[in-house]
Amino acid sequence: MTSLSEQPARATELRPTGRGASTQPRHSEVVTDSDLLVRCRRRDSEAWNELVSRYERLVYTVALRNGLGAEDAADVTQATFVALIDALDRLRDDEKLASWLMTVARRQAWRTRNLSRRTTPVEVTPDDVSDPFADWATTTALHDALSTLGGTCRELLLALYFEPEAPSYAEIAERFGRSIGGIGPLRGRCLDKLRVIMGEES
């Protein structure tokens, strides 16, 4: 996989930190995607690193679920964020960033998969050839709603439902500076808010 340091100068100033270097922002420091994008346009590398940390796992998962192996998925992740750098000044809706990234990652994954099929003889047809993102509209709407939700609720729901490590309530409580007994009720309130947002946008 080529390094982003080999990309144009603008990319080297705002390059992803890599999957292994991702860190979770503390809930008191959570900012919206729009805030981060505004800072990224000012060449704020700290904002870029936080943006990549927020979404690189999502982008990587999109690539995996579209039939790629780990190495190709990592390449697609890198290519997707390079595309974001190039498109920073052309994004139509900063709060739809999750949808934009998922769409770009999906297209990149399709190109990579199709190229591989043209260059590699296929002797065995996979049993499952269905599109794992067939319900794409629902997936996109969910991530858009999470972006609108923002704040602690967004970070809590992402941690509970989207992190592959599935952190325990104890780990979540420590991360957010809350008691273990308070995580369940907070989760319920956040889910209620998310349902309202999704109902309003449907």
Protein backbone atom coordinates (compact mmCIF):
# COMPACT_ATOMS: atom_id res chain seq x y z
CA MET A 1 0.00 0.00 0.00
CA THR A 2 1.43 3.34 -0.99
CA SER A 3 1.94 5.90 1.72
CA LEU A 4 0.07 9.17 1.70
CA SER A 5 3.46 10.81 2.06
CA GLU A 6 3.87 10.04 -1.64
CA GLN A 7 0.71 12.00 -2.49
CA PRO A 8 0.65 15.72 -3.42
CA ALA A 9 1.75 18.26 -0.81
CA ARG A 10 -1.76 18.97 0.40
CA ALA A 11 -2.29 15.32 1.24
CA THR A 12 0.93 15.12 3.24
CA GLU A 13 -0.20 18.03 5.37
CA LEU A 14 -3.50 16.32 6.15
CA ARG A 15 -2.75 12.63 6.05
CA PRO A 16 -4.58 9.85 7.91
CA THR A 17 -2.87 8.62 11.04
CA GLY A 18 -3.40 4.92 10.19
CA ARG A 19 -5.79 2.44 11.76
CA GLY A 20 -3.43 1.50 14.54
CA ALA A 21 -2.98 5.10 15.67
CA SER A 22 -6.65 5.92 16.09
CA THR A 23 -7.71 7.35 19.43
CA GLN A 24 -11.15 8.09 20.80
CA PRO A 25 -11.76 11.78 21.57
CA ARG A 26 -12.93 12.51 25.09
CA HIS A 27 -16.62 13.33 25.21
CA SER A 28 -15.97 16.87 26.42
CA GLU A 29 -13.94 17.54 23.28
CA VAL A 30 -16.43 16.17 20.75
CA VAL A 31 -17.05 18.56 17.87
CA THR A 32 -19.27 18.25 14.83
CA ASP A 33 -18.13 17.07 11.42
CA SER A 34 -18.76 20.57 10.12
CA ASP A 35 -16.43 22.07 12.72
CA LEU A 36 -13.70 19.60 11.83
CA LEU A 37 -14.09 20.19 8.10
CA VAL A 38 -13.85 23.95 8.55
CA ARG A 39 -10.59 23.47 10.43
CA CYS A 40 -9.33 20.98 7.86
CA ARG A 41 -9.83 23.58 5.15
CA ARG A 42 -7.49 25.78 7.17
CA ARG A 43 -4.88 23.01 7.06
CA ASP A 44 -5.37 22.06 10.72
CA SER A 45 -3.66 18.68 10.96
CA GLU A 46 -5.09 17.96 14.42
CA ALA A 47 -8.62 18.33 13.07
CA TRP A 48 -7.76 16.06 10.15
CA ASN A 49 -6.40 13.39 12.47
CA GLU A 50 -9.58 13.52 14.55
CA LEU A 51 -11.74 13.29 11.44
CA VAL A 52 -9.83 10.26 10.19
CA SER A 53 -9.95 8.65 13.63
CA ARG A 54 -13.72 9.17 13.66
CA TYR A 55 -14.41 7.57 10.28
CA GLU A 56 -11.55 5.32 9.19
CA ARG A 57 -13.06 2.23 10.85
CA LEU A 58 -16.35 2.88 9.06
CA VAL A 59 -14.63 3.31 5.69
CA TYR A 60 -12.52 0.19 6.24
CA THR A 61 -15.63 -1.82 7.15
CA VAL A 62 -17.44 -0.66 4.01
CA ALA A 63 -14.53 -1.96 1.93
CA LEU A 64 -14.48 -5.30 3.74
CA ARG A 65 -18.23 -5.76 3.38
CA ASN A 66 -17.96 -5.15 -0.33
CA GLY A 67 -15.85 -8.25 -0.81
CA LEU A 68 -12.26 -7.05 -0.31
CA GLY A 69 -9.49 -8.58 1.73
CA ALA A 70 -7.70 -6.69 4.50
CA GLU A 71 -4.90 -5.30 2.32
CA ASP A 72 -7.21 -4.07 -0.44
CA ALA A 73 -9.59 -2.64 2.17
CA ALA A 74 -6.70 -0.69 3.69
CA ASP A 75 -5.83 0.67 0.22
CA VAL A 76 -9.45 1.69 -0.33
CA THR A 77 -9.49 3.41 3.06
CA GLN A 78 -6.42 5.42 2.15
CA ALA A 79 -7.78 6.27 -1.31
CA THR A 80 -11.08 7.40 0.20
CA PHE A 81 -9.42 9.88 2.53
CA VAL A 82 -7.17 11.15 -0.26
CA ALA A 83 -10.39 11.76 -2.23
CA LEU A 84 -11.76 13.67 0.75
CA ILE A 85 -8.69 15.89 0.81
CA ASP A 86 -9.22 16.68 -2.86
CA ALA A 87 -12.93 17.37 -2.29
CA LEU A 88 -12.71 19.43 0.92
CA ASP A 89 -13.71 22.64 -0.81
CA ARG A 90 -16.43 21.03 -2.91
CA LEU A 91 -18.51 19.15 -0.32
CA ARG A 92 -22.17 20.18 -0.61
CA ASP A 93 -23.23 19.30 2.92
CA ASP A 94 -20.68 18.94 5.69
CA GLU A 95 -23.17 17.14 7.95
CA LYS A 96 -23.54 14.39 5.33
CA LEU A 97 -19.87 13.49 5.53
CA ALA A 98 -20.53 9.92 6.68
CA SER A 99 -22.73 9.30 3.64
CA TRP A 100 -20.14 10.83 1.34
CA LEU A 101 -17.32 8.70 2.73
CA MET A 102 -19.39 5.51 2.57
CA THR A 103 -20.35 6.19 -1.03
CA VAL A 104 -16.77 6.90 -2.11
CA ALA A 105 -15.47 3.84 -0.25
CA ARG A 106 -18.11 1.64 -1.83
CA ARG A 107 -17.24 2.85 -5.33
CA GLN A 108 -13.53 2.42 -4.67
CA ALA A 109 -14.17 -1.11 -3.41
CA TRP A 110 -16.20 -1.97 -6.52
CA ARG A 111 -13.41 -0.73 -8.78
CA THR A 112 -10.81 -2.71 -6.87
CA ARG A 113 -12.93 -5.85 -6.87
CA ASN A 114 -13.76 -5.59 -10.57
CA LEU A 115 -10.11 -4.99 -11.46
CA SER A 116 -9.14 -8.06 -9.46
CA ARG A 117 -11.73 -10.16 -11.29
CA ARG A 118 -10.35 -9.05 -14.67
CA THR A 119 -6.77 -9.88 -13.77
CA THR A 120 -7.24 -13.02 -11.65
CA PRO A 121 -8.82 -16.23 -13.00
CA VAL A 122 -11.86 -17.18 -10.96
CA GLU A 123 -12.12 -20.93 -10.51
CA VAL A 124 -14.68 -21.00 -7.72
CA THR A 125 -17.84 -18.91 -7.54
CA PRO A 126 -18.43 -17.55 -4.03
CA ASP A 127 -21.56 -18.86 -2.33
CA ASP A 128 -22.62 -15.39 -1.23
CA VAL A 129 -22.60 -12.92 -4.10
CA SER A 130 -25.33 -10.64 -2.75
CA ASP A 131 -24.63 -7.02 -1.95
CA PRO A 132 -24.06 -6.81 1.84
CA PHE A 133 -25.12 -3.16 1.68
CA ALA A 134 -28.36 -3.85 -0.17
CA ASP A 135 -30.22 -1.70 2.34
CA TRP A 136 -27.91 1.18 1.52
CA ALA A 137 -30.51 3.91 2.05
CA THR A 138 -31.13 2.79 5.64
CA THR A 139 -27.42 2.54 6.41
CA THR A 140 -26.79 6.01 5.00
CA ALA A 141 -29.77 7.50 6.85
CA LEU A 142 -28.52 6.01 10.12
CA HIS A 143 -25.09 7.60 9.82
CA ASP A 144 -26.60 10.91 8.73
CA ALA A 145 -28.84 10.82 11.80
CA LEU A 146 -25.86 10.07 14.05
CA SER A 147 -24.05 13.08 12.61
CA THR A 148 -27.10 15.24 13.34
CA LEU A 149 -27.33 13.79 16.85
CA GLY A 150 -23.76 14.77 17.62
CA GLY A 151 -22.14 15.18 21.01
CA THR A 152 -21.92 12.53 23.69
CA CYS A 153 -24.92 10.60 22.36
CA ARG A 154 -23.29 10.13 18.97
CA GLU A 155 -20.01 8.97 20.48
CA LEU A 156 -21.79 6.63 22.90
CA LEU A 157 -23.89 4.94 20.21
CA LEU A 158 -20.90 4.60 17.89
CA ALA A 159 -18.94 2.97 20.70
CA LEU A 160 -21.77 0.61 21.70
CA TYR A 161 -22.93 -0.48 18.25
CA PHE A 162 -20.19 0.16 15.71
CA GLU A 163 -16.86 -0.65 17.36
CA PRO A 164 -15.84 -4.21 16.42
CA GLU A 165 -14.24 -4.74 19.85
CA ALA A 166 -17.67 -4.27 21.50
CA PRO A 167 -16.43 -2.49 24.65
CA SER A 168 -18.08 -3.37 27.95
CA TYR A 169 -20.23 -0.96 29.95
CA ALA A 170 -17.30 -0.62 32.36
CA GLU A 171 -14.99 0.48 29.54
CA ILE A 172 -17.62 2.85 28.19
CA ALA A 173 -18.21 4.33 31.65
CA GLU A 174 -14.49 4.97 32.13
CA ARG A 175 -14.16 6.52 28.67
CA PHE A 176 -17.07 8.91 29.18
CA GLY A 177 -16.41 9.64 32.83
CA ARG A 178 -19.73 8.23 34.03
CA SER A 179 -20.91 5.52 36.40
CA ILE A 180 -21.62 2.07 34.97
CA GLY A 181 -25.22 2.33 36.16
CA GLY A 182 -25.69 5.52 34.19
CA ILE A 183 -24.71 4.10 30.80
CA GLY A 184 -27.92 2.11 30.26
CA PRO A 185 -30.30 5.02 30.89
CA LEU A 186 -28.11 7.34 28.81
CA ARG A 187 -28.13 4.81 25.98
CA GLY A 188 -31.92 4.71 26.11
CA ARG A 189 -32.24 8.49 25.96
CA CYS A 190 -29.78 8.69 23.08
CA LEU A 191 -31.63 6.00 21.12
CA ASP A 192 -34.88 7.88 21.65
CA LYS A 193 -33.29 11.06 20.28
CA LEU A 194 -31.91 9.12 17.31
CA ARG A 195 -35.34 7.66 16.53
CA VAL A 196 -36.86 11.14 16.58
CA ILE A 197 -34.21 12.45 14.17
CA MET A 198 -34.67 9.53 11.81
CA GLY A 199 -38.45 9.97 11.97
CA GLU A 200 -38.15 13.64 11.11
CA GLU A 201 -35.83 12.95 8.16
CA SER A 202 -37.89 10.10 6.69
